[in-house]
Amino acid sequence: MDQVKVIQQKLSERGLKATPQRIAVYQALLDLGHVCAEEVVAQVHRNFPTISLATIYNTLDALLEQGIITQVHTGSNKKYYDVHVHQHVHLYDRTDHRIEDFEDPALENLIREYISRQPVEGFELSDIQIQLIGKFRNEPPR
């Protein structure tokens, strides 16, 4: 199945109409990885210069609301978007704002098990978002 059809299916499964604008925004997110809104705008405008800023930002909000994408908050107070909505860890380099996914279910399970043994009074755990902050020693993949 081609990528546009996969995007259309993902949108329709979450109750969103697969408009050309939504497809363009989601495609930009797939192409770029973890990016801020400004980078999404630049990518979309390379291919579709007539899509308005408001449409792009509204599309990002709609994708977030429907759980199609997530936001990654960083120490620089900048929000980045991620198409990988499954449970995973983020590695964040605050020098160059690079974000990489790190799959470690054992770490997440360790936290869940700990909280189940040592519950926080008056709090019910629903999600775990882990961000490890440091410096990558290698160049980003090209």
Protein backbone atom coordinates (compact mmCIF):
# COMPACT_ATOMS: atom_id res chain seq x y z
CA MET A 1 0.00 0.00 0.00
CA ASP A 2 1.41 3.41 -0.87
CA GLN A 3 2.12 5.90 1.88
CA VAL A 4 -0.72 8.29 1.01
CA LYS A 5 -3.25 5.45 1.34
CA VAL A 6 -1.75 4.50 4.72
CA ILE A 7 -2.08 8.13 5.87
CA GLN A 8 -5.66 8.31 4.57
CA GLN A 9 -6.53 5.14 6.46
CA LYS A 10 -4.88 6.37 9.68
CA LEU A 11 -6.84 9.64 9.50
CA SER A 12 -10.16 8.00 8.74
CA GLU A 13 -9.68 5.44 11.55
CA ARG A 14 -9.49 8.37 13.97
CA GLY A 15 -12.53 10.12 12.51
CA LEU A 16 -10.71 12.73 10.46
CA LYS A 17 -11.39 13.45 6.82
CA ALA A 18 -8.26 12.78 4.77
CA THR A 19 -7.92 16.22 3.21
CA PRO A 20 -4.90 17.08 1.04
CA GLN A 21 -3.75 19.51 3.76
CA ARG A 22 -3.87 16.88 6.51
CA ILE A 23 -2.08 14.38 4.31
CA ALA A 24 0.62 16.98 3.52
CA VAL A 25 1.17 17.81 7.21
CA TYR A 26 1.32 14.17 8.28
CA GLN A 27 3.63 13.34 5.36
CA ALA A 28 5.96 16.16 6.47
CA LEU A 29 6.03 14.70 9.99
CA LEU A 30 6.84 11.25 8.62
CA ASP A 31 9.61 12.64 6.41
CA LEU A 32 11.25 14.81 9.08
CA GLY A 33 10.95 12.84 12.32
CA HIS A 34 10.85 14.82 15.57
CA VAL A 35 10.29 18.41 14.48
CA CYS A 36 8.84 21.67 15.73
CA ALA A 37 5.88 23.38 14.08
CA GLU A 38 8.10 25.81 12.17
CA GLU A 39 9.92 22.90 10.51
CA VAL A 40 6.59 21.32 9.56
CA VAL A 41 5.48 24.62 8.03
CA ALA A 42 8.70 24.91 6.00
CA GLN A 43 8.43 21.32 4.74
CA VAL A 44 4.77 21.63 3.80
CA HIS A 45 5.40 24.94 2.02
CA ARG A 46 8.16 23.37 -0.08
CA ASN A 47 5.55 21.14 -1.70
CA PHE A 48 2.32 23.09 -1.12
CA PRO A 49 3.10 26.82 -0.75
CA THR A 50 -0.59 27.81 -0.73
CA ILE A 51 -1.48 25.96 2.49
CA SER A 52 -1.95 28.62 5.14
CA LEU A 53 -0.13 28.75 8.46
CA ALA A 54 -3.46 28.53 10.27
CA THR A 55 -4.36 25.35 8.40
CA ILE A 56 -1.03 23.74 9.28
CA TYR A 57 -1.29 24.67 12.96
CA ASN A 58 -4.96 23.62 13.11
CA THR A 59 -4.02 20.31 11.47
CA LEU A 60 -1.27 19.70 14.03
CA ASP A 61 -3.81 20.40 16.80
CA ALA A 62 -6.36 18.01 15.23
CA LEU A 63 -3.75 15.26 14.84
CA LEU A 64 -2.79 15.73 18.51
CA GLU A 65 -6.40 15.68 19.70
CA GLN A 66 -7.08 12.44 17.85
CA GLY A 67 -3.92 10.76 19.17
CA ILE A 68 -2.37 10.41 15.71
CA ILE A 69 0.73 12.29 16.83
CA THR A 70 2.18 13.28 20.20
CA GLN A 71 4.12 16.26 21.48
CA VAL A 72 7.57 16.08 22.98
CA HIS A 73 8.33 18.92 25.37
CA THR A 74 11.97 19.86 25.80
CA GLY A 75 14.05 21.77 28.30
CA SER A 76 14.08 24.69 25.88
CA ASN A 77 10.29 24.97 26.19
CA LYS A 78 9.99 24.18 22.51
CA LYS A 79 7.38 21.62 21.47
CA TYR A 80 8.26 18.93 18.98
CA TYR A 81 5.93 16.49 17.26
CA ASP A 82 6.27 12.74 16.99
CA VAL A 83 4.34 10.32 14.76
CA HIS A 84 5.29 7.40 17.00
CA VAL A 85 2.47 7.32 19.53
CA HIS A 86 3.40 4.01 21.14
CA GLN A 87 5.13 3.98 24.51
CA HIS A 88 8.84 4.78 24.08
CA VAL A 89 11.67 6.84 25.54
CA HIS A 90 13.09 10.00 23.99
CA LEU A 91 16.77 10.88 23.99
CA TYR A 92 17.13 14.67 23.85
CA ASP A 93 20.32 16.60 23.10
CA ARG A 94 19.65 20.12 24.34
CA THR A 95 22.70 21.48 22.46
CA ASP A 96 21.30 20.84 18.99
CA HIS A 97 17.71 19.92 19.98
CA ARG A 98 18.05 16.52 18.39
CA ILE A 99 15.50 13.96 19.56
CA GLU A 100 15.81 10.24 18.95
CA ASP A 101 13.52 7.39 19.92
CA PHE A 102 14.85 4.79 22.31
CA GLU A 103 12.88 1.60 22.76
CA ASP A 104 13.20 0.18 26.27
CA PRO A 105 10.03 -1.57 27.47
CA ALA A 106 11.93 -2.94 30.47
CA LEU A 107 12.54 0.59 31.80
CA GLU A 108 8.88 1.51 31.40
CA ASN A 109 7.78 -1.75 33.04
CA LEU A 110 10.18 -1.11 35.91
CA ILE A 111 8.50 2.23 36.59
CA ARG A 112 4.99 0.76 36.32
CA GLU A 113 5.92 -2.08 38.70
CA TYR A 114 7.50 0.36 41.14
CA ILE A 115 4.41 2.59 41.15
CA SER A 116 2.15 -0.42 41.61
CA ARG A 117 4.20 -1.45 44.69
CA GLN A 118 4.67 2.11 45.96
CA PRO A 119 1.54 3.97 44.85
CA VAL A 120 1.44 7.73 45.05
CA GLU A 121 -1.44 8.63 47.31
CA GLY A 122 -4.29 10.31 45.45
CA PHE A 123 -2.73 9.69 42.04
CA GLU A 124 -3.58 7.16 39.33
CA LEU A 125 -0.88 6.53 36.74
CA SER A 126 -2.17 6.60 33.16
CA ASP A 127 0.94 7.20 31.07
CA ILE A 128 4.69 7.31 31.34
CA GLN A 129 6.74 9.75 29.30
CA ILE A 130 10.46 9.41 29.73
CA GLN A 131 12.99 11.82 28.31
CA LEU A 132 16.70 11.30 28.85
CA ILE A 133 18.70 14.48 28.39
CA GLY A 134 22.32 14.43 27.38
CA LYS A 135 24.66 14.87 24.45
CA PHE A 136 24.93 12.62 21.42
CA ARG A 137 28.53 11.69 20.69
CA ASN A 138 27.90 10.97 17.03
CA GLU A 139 26.60 12.94 14.09
CA PRO A 140 22.88 12.74 13.38
CA PRO A 141 21.90 10.22 10.71
CA ARG A 142 21.51 11.69 7.25
